[in-house]
Amino acid sequence: MSPADRVTGGGAGSGPDRAAGGAAPADRGRIAVLGERARVEGYGLGGALVSPADGPAEVRSAWESLDDRVAVVVLTPAAAAVLEDAPRRRPGTLTVVMPP
């Protein structure tokens, strides 16, 4: 038994490409990172959906254009300030704010 099998319970379809709940990576929600270009661009290297937005209008537009597959949104502090309570109106999406 490999270490990955011990974590996921072993058996067919297990291993590092499967979550403990059995969902394949394609079935999981996307992670989006939204905010100032200089703070968000690097997250694309990790596979996140990057939404550079350098001003209030761009932040609002980027937020509204997120599709339903986005499960987690990481906001810069400036983007969070622009959106105020908008993240609360998006049920089922976890929204977090980067440290300053």
N, C-alpha and C. Protein backbone atom coordinates (compact mmCIF):
# COMPACT_ATOMS: atom_id res chain seq x y z
N MET A 1 0.85 -1.17 0.00
CA MET A 1 0.00 0.00 0.00
C MET A 1 0.90 1.24 0.00
N SER A 2 0.62 2.16 -0.91
CA SER A 2 1.42 3.39 -0.98
C SER A 2 0.91 4.39 0.05
N PRO A 3 1.72 5.43 0.37
CA PRO A 3 1.24 6.46 1.31
C PRO A 3 -0.04 7.12 0.82
N ALA A 4 -0.18 7.31 -0.48
CA ALA A 4 -1.40 7.94 -1.01
C ALA A 4 -2.62 7.05 -0.76
N ASP A 5 -2.44 5.73 -0.88
CA ASP A 5 -3.55 4.82 -0.63
C ASP A 5 -4.00 4.86 0.83
N ARG A 6 -3.04 5.04 1.75
CA ARG A 6 -3.40 5.11 3.16
C ARG A 6 -4.25 6.34 3.44
N VAL A 7 -3.95 7.45 2.78
CA VAL A 7 -4.69 8.69 3.01
C VAL A 7 -6.10 8.60 2.46
N THR A 8 -6.25 8.02 1.27
CA THR A 8 -7.56 8.01 0.62
C THR A 8 -8.34 6.73 0.86
N GLY A 9 -7.75 5.76 1.51
CA GLY A 9 -8.49 4.55 1.82
C GLY A 9 -8.18 3.39 0.89
N GLY A 10 -7.30 3.61 -0.11
CA GLY A 10 -6.90 2.53 -0.99
C GLY A 10 -7.97 2.13 -1.97
N GLY A 11 -7.69 1.08 -2.72
CA GLY A 11 -8.67 0.56 -3.66
C GLY A 11 -8.63 1.25 -5.00
N ALA A 12 -9.47 0.79 -5.91
CA ALA A 12 -9.50 1.33 -7.26
C ALA A 12 -9.93 2.79 -7.25
N GLY A 13 -9.25 3.57 -8.08
CA GLY A 13 -9.61 4.97 -8.22
C GLY A 13 -9.10 5.84 -7.09
N SER A 14 -8.18 5.32 -6.27
CA SER A 14 -7.65 6.15 -5.20
C SER A 14 -6.27 6.63 -5.58
N GLY A 15 -5.66 7.35 -4.70
CA GLY A 15 -4.31 7.86 -4.95
C GLY A 15 -4.32 9.37 -4.94
N PRO A 16 -3.19 9.97 -5.30
CA PRO A 16 -3.06 11.41 -5.17
C PRO A 16 -3.98 12.20 -6.09
N ASP A 17 -4.51 11.60 -7.15
CA ASP A 17 -5.39 12.32 -8.06
C ASP A 17 -6.85 12.25 -7.65
N ARG A 18 -7.13 11.61 -6.55
CA ARG A 18 -8.52 11.47 -6.08
C ARG A 18 -8.63 12.07 -4.69
N ALA A 19 -9.71 12.75 -4.43
CA ALA A 19 -9.95 13.30 -3.09
C ALA A 19 -10.47 12.20 -2.19
N ALA A 20 -10.43 12.43 -0.89
CA ALA A 20 -10.92 11.45 0.06
C ALA A 20 -12.38 11.10 -0.22
N GLY A 21 -13.12 12.04 -0.75
CA GLY A 21 -14.52 11.80 -1.08
C GLY A 21 -14.71 11.12 -2.41
N GLY A 22 -13.64 10.90 -3.17
CA GLY A 22 -13.71 10.19 -4.43
C GLY A 22 -13.89 11.06 -5.65
N ALA A 23 -13.94 12.38 -5.51
CA ALA A 23 -14.15 13.24 -6.67
C ALA A 23 -12.86 13.39 -7.46
N ALA A 24 -12.97 13.26 -8.76
CA ALA A 24 -11.82 13.47 -9.63
C ALA A 24 -11.55 14.96 -9.72
N PRO A 25 -10.30 15.39 -10.03
CA PRO A 25 -9.98 16.80 -10.09
C PRO A 25 -10.92 17.61 -10.99
N ALA A 26 -11.37 17.06 -12.09
CA ALA A 26 -12.25 17.79 -13.01
C ALA A 26 -13.62 18.06 -12.39
N ASP A 27 -13.98 17.26 -11.37
CA ASP A 27 -15.29 17.43 -10.73
C ASP A 27 -15.28 18.49 -9.64
N ARG A 28 -14.12 18.90 -9.22
CA ARG A 28 -14.01 19.87 -8.13
C ARG A 28 -14.26 21.28 -8.64
N GLY A 29 -14.59 22.19 -7.72
CA GLY A 29 -14.77 23.59 -8.08
C GLY A 29 -13.43 24.26 -8.36
N ARG A 30 -13.51 25.36 -9.07
CA ARG A 30 -12.31 26.13 -9.40
C ARG A 30 -11.98 27.10 -8.27
N ILE A 31 -10.72 27.51 -8.24
CA ILE A 31 -10.26 28.55 -7.34
C ILE A 31 -9.96 29.77 -8.19
N ALA A 32 -10.52 30.90 -7.80
CA ALA A 32 -10.28 32.15 -8.51
C ALA A 32 -9.56 33.11 -7.56
N VAL A 33 -8.65 33.89 -8.12
CA VAL A 33 -7.92 34.90 -7.35
C VAL A 33 -8.17 36.23 -8.04
N LEU A 34 -8.70 37.19 -7.28
CA LEU A 34 -9.16 38.45 -7.86
C LEU A 34 -8.56 39.63 -7.12
N GLY A 35 -8.00 40.56 -7.88
CA GLY A 35 -7.44 41.77 -7.28
C GLY A 35 -6.37 42.39 -8.15
N GLU A 36 -5.54 43.22 -7.54
CA GLU A 36 -4.52 43.94 -8.28
C GLU A 36 -3.57 42.97 -9.00
N ARG A 37 -3.31 43.32 -10.25
CA ARG A 37 -2.50 42.46 -11.13
C ARG A 37 -1.20 42.01 -10.47
N ALA A 38 -0.49 42.91 -9.85
CA ALA A 38 0.81 42.57 -9.25
C ALA A 38 0.69 41.54 -8.13
N ARG A 39 -0.46 41.46 -7.50
CA ARG A 39 -0.64 40.52 -6.38
C ARG A 39 -1.27 39.20 -6.79
N VAL A 40 -1.89 39.11 -7.97
CA VAL A 40 -2.63 37.89 -8.31
C VAL A 40 -2.03 37.06 -9.44
N GLU A 41 -1.21 37.66 -10.28
CA GLU A 41 -0.75 36.94 -11.47
C GLU A 41 -0.04 35.63 -11.18
N GLY A 42 0.75 35.55 -10.13
CA GLY A 42 1.50 34.34 -9.83
C GLY A 42 0.64 33.13 -9.51
N TYR A 43 -0.58 33.35 -9.08
CA TYR A 43 -1.46 32.24 -8.72
C TYR A 43 -1.87 31.40 -9.93
N GLY A 44 -1.76 31.96 -11.11
CA GLY A 44 -2.06 31.20 -12.31
C GLY A 44 -1.12 30.02 -12.48
N LEU A 45 0.11 30.14 -11.96
CA LEU A 45 1.07 29.04 -12.05
C LEU A 45 0.58 27.80 -11.30
N GLY A 46 -0.23 28.01 -10.29
CA GLY A 46 -0.78 26.90 -9.51
C GLY A 46 -2.11 26.41 -10.03
N GLY A 47 -2.58 26.97 -11.13
CA GLY A 47 -3.82 26.51 -11.74
C GLY A 47 -5.05 27.31 -11.38
N ALA A 48 -4.88 28.38 -10.61
CA ALA A 48 -6.04 29.20 -10.25
C ALA A 48 -6.50 30.03 -11.45
N LEU A 49 -7.76 30.35 -11.45
CA LEU A 49 -8.33 31.27 -12.43
C LEU A 49 -7.99 32.66 -11.93
N VAL A 50 -7.15 33.39 -12.66
CA VAL A 50 -6.67 34.69 -12.23
C VAL A 50 -7.51 35.78 -12.88
N SER A 51 -8.01 36.70 -12.05
CA SER A 51 -8.81 37.83 -12.54
C SER A 51 -8.16 39.12 -12.08
N PRO A 52 -7.20 39.63 -12.87
CA PRO A 52 -6.58 40.90 -12.49
C PRO A 52 -7.58 42.03 -12.58
N ALA A 53 -7.62 42.86 -11.55
CA ALA A 53 -8.56 43.97 -11.51
C ALA A 53 -7.91 45.09 -10.71
N ASP A 54 -7.53 46.17 -11.40
CA ASP A 54 -6.76 47.23 -10.76
C ASP A 54 -7.58 48.42 -10.27
N GLY A 55 -8.86 48.43 -10.50
CA GLY A 55 -9.69 49.54 -10.02
C GLY A 55 -11.06 49.04 -9.63
N PRO A 56 -11.84 49.86 -8.96
CA PRO A 56 -13.17 49.42 -8.49
C PRO A 56 -14.07 48.87 -9.60
N ALA A 57 -14.11 49.52 -10.74
CA ALA A 57 -14.97 49.03 -11.83
C ALA A 57 -14.50 47.67 -12.33
N GLU A 58 -13.18 47.50 -12.44
CA GLU A 58 -12.64 46.21 -12.89
C GLU A 58 -12.92 45.11 -11.86
N VAL A 59 -12.82 45.44 -10.57
CA VAL A 59 -13.10 44.46 -9.52
C VAL A 59 -14.54 44.00 -9.61
N ARG A 60 -15.47 44.94 -9.70
CA ARG A 60 -16.88 44.56 -9.79
C ARG A 60 -17.17 43.73 -11.03
N SER A 61 -16.59 44.12 -12.16
CA SER A 61 -16.79 43.38 -13.41
C SER A 61 -16.22 41.97 -13.31
N ALA A 62 -15.02 41.84 -12.74
CA ALA A 62 -14.40 40.52 -12.59
C ALA A 62 -15.24 39.63 -11.67
N TRP A 63 -15.76 40.21 -10.59
CA TRP A 63 -16.59 39.46 -9.65
C TRP A 63 -17.85 38.94 -10.35
N GLU A 64 -18.51 39.81 -11.08
CA GLU A 64 -19.74 39.43 -11.77
C GLU A 64 -19.51 38.41 -12.87
N SER A 65 -18.30 38.35 -13.43
CA SER A 65 -18.03 37.43 -14.53
C SER A 65 -17.56 36.05 -14.06
N LEU A 66 -17.39 35.84 -12.74
CA LEU A 66 -17.00 34.51 -12.24
C LEU A 66 -18.11 33.51 -12.56
N ASP A 67 -17.73 32.36 -13.08
CA ASP A 67 -18.77 31.38 -13.42
C ASP A 67 -19.14 30.53 -12.21
N ASP A 68 -20.15 29.71 -12.39
CA ASP A 68 -20.69 28.90 -11.29
C ASP A 68 -19.77 27.79 -10.83
N ARG A 69 -18.74 27.46 -11.61
CA ARG A 69 -17.80 26.41 -11.21
C ARG A 69 -16.80 26.90 -10.17
N VAL A 70 -16.74 28.21 -9.92
CA VAL A 70 -15.81 28.75 -8.93
C VAL A 70 -16.35 28.45 -7.54
N ALA A 71 -15.55 27.71 -6.76
CA ALA A 71 -15.96 27.33 -5.41
C ALA A 71 -15.26 28.16 -4.35
N VAL A 72 -14.06 28.68 -4.67
CA VAL A 72 -13.28 29.47 -3.73
C VAL A 72 -12.79 30.71 -4.44
N VAL A 73 -12.96 31.87 -3.81
CA VAL A 73 -12.44 33.12 -4.36
C VAL A 73 -11.49 33.72 -3.33
N VAL A 74 -10.27 33.99 -3.77
CA VAL A 74 -9.27 34.65 -2.94
C VAL A 74 -9.22 36.11 -3.41
N LEU A 75 -9.46 37.03 -2.49
CA LEU A 75 -9.47 38.45 -2.82
C LEU A 75 -8.28 39.16 -2.19
N THR A 76 -7.75 40.15 -2.89
CA THR A 76 -6.79 41.03 -2.24
C THR A 76 -7.57 41.94 -1.29
N PRO A 77 -6.91 42.54 -0.30
CA PRO A 77 -7.64 43.44 0.60
C PRO A 77 -8.35 44.58 -0.14
N ALA A 78 -7.72 45.12 -1.17
CA ALA A 78 -8.34 46.22 -1.92
C ALA A 78 -9.60 45.75 -2.64
N ALA A 79 -9.55 44.57 -3.23
CA ALA A 79 -10.73 44.02 -3.93
C ALA A 79 -11.85 43.74 -2.93
N ALA A 80 -11.49 43.22 -1.77
CA ALA A 80 -12.50 42.94 -0.74
C ALA A 80 -13.18 44.22 -0.28
N ALA A 81 -12.42 45.31 -0.17
CA ALA A 81 -13.00 46.58 0.24
C ALA A 81 -14.00 47.10 -0.80
N VAL A 82 -13.70 46.89 -2.07
CA VAL A 82 -14.60 47.33 -3.14
C VAL A 82 -15.89 46.51 -3.12
N LEU A 83 -15.76 45.21 -2.91
CA LEU A 83 -16.92 44.32 -3.01
C LEU A 83 -17.82 44.38 -1.77
N GLU A 84 -17.30 44.84 -0.66
CA GLU A 84 -18.05 44.93 0.60
C GLU A 84 -18.76 43.63 0.92
N ASP A 85 -20.10 43.60 0.81
CA ASP A 85 -20.84 42.39 1.19
C ASP A 85 -21.23 41.51 0.00
N ALA A 86 -20.74 41.81 -1.18
CA ALA A 86 -21.08 40.99 -2.36
C ALA A 86 -20.76 39.51 -2.17
N PRO A 87 -19.63 39.14 -1.53
CA PRO A 87 -19.36 37.71 -1.34
C PRO A 87 -20.45 36.98 -0.57
N ARG A 88 -21.15 37.66 0.32
CA ARG A 88 -22.23 37.02 1.09
C ARG A 88 -23.42 36.69 0.20
N ARG A 89 -23.52 37.37 -0.92
CA ARG A 89 -24.64 37.13 -1.83
C ARG A 89 -24.31 36.06 -2.87
N ARG A 90 -23.23 35.33 -2.67
CA ARG A 90 -22.85 34.25 -3.57
C ARG A 90 -22.81 32.95 -2.76
N PRO A 91 -23.96 32.36 -2.48
CA PRO A 91 -24.00 31.17 -1.64
C PRO A 91 -23.24 30.01 -2.28
N GLY A 92 -22.63 29.22 -1.42
CA GLY A 92 -21.89 28.06 -1.90
C GLY A 92 -20.47 28.36 -2.33
N THR A 93 -20.05 29.61 -2.22
CA THR A 93 -18.70 29.99 -2.60
C THR A 93 -17.98 30.49 -1.35
N LEU A 94 -16.83 29.91 -1.08
CA LEU A 94 -16.00 30.34 0.03
C LEU A 94 -15.15 31.51 -0.45
N THR A 95 -15.22 32.63 0.25
CA THR A 95 -14.43 33.81 -0.11
C THR A 95 -13.47 34.11 1.03
N VAL A 96 -12.19 34.27 0.69
CA VAL A 96 -11.17 34.60 1.68
C VAL A 96 -10.42 35.83 1.21
N VAL A 97 -9.82 36.54 2.16
CA VAL A 97 -9.06 37.74 1.85
C VAL A 97 -7.61 37.51 2.21
N MET A 98 -6.72 37.85 1.28
CA MET A 98 -5.28 37.74 1.52
C MET A 98 -4.88 38.66 2.66
N PRO A 99 -3.81 38.32 3.35
CA PRO A 99 -3.28 39.28 4.33
C PRO A 99 -2.73 40.50 3.59
N PRO A 100 -2.69 41.64 4.27
CA PRO A 100 -2.17 42.86 3.59
C PRO A 100 -0.71 42.73 3.18
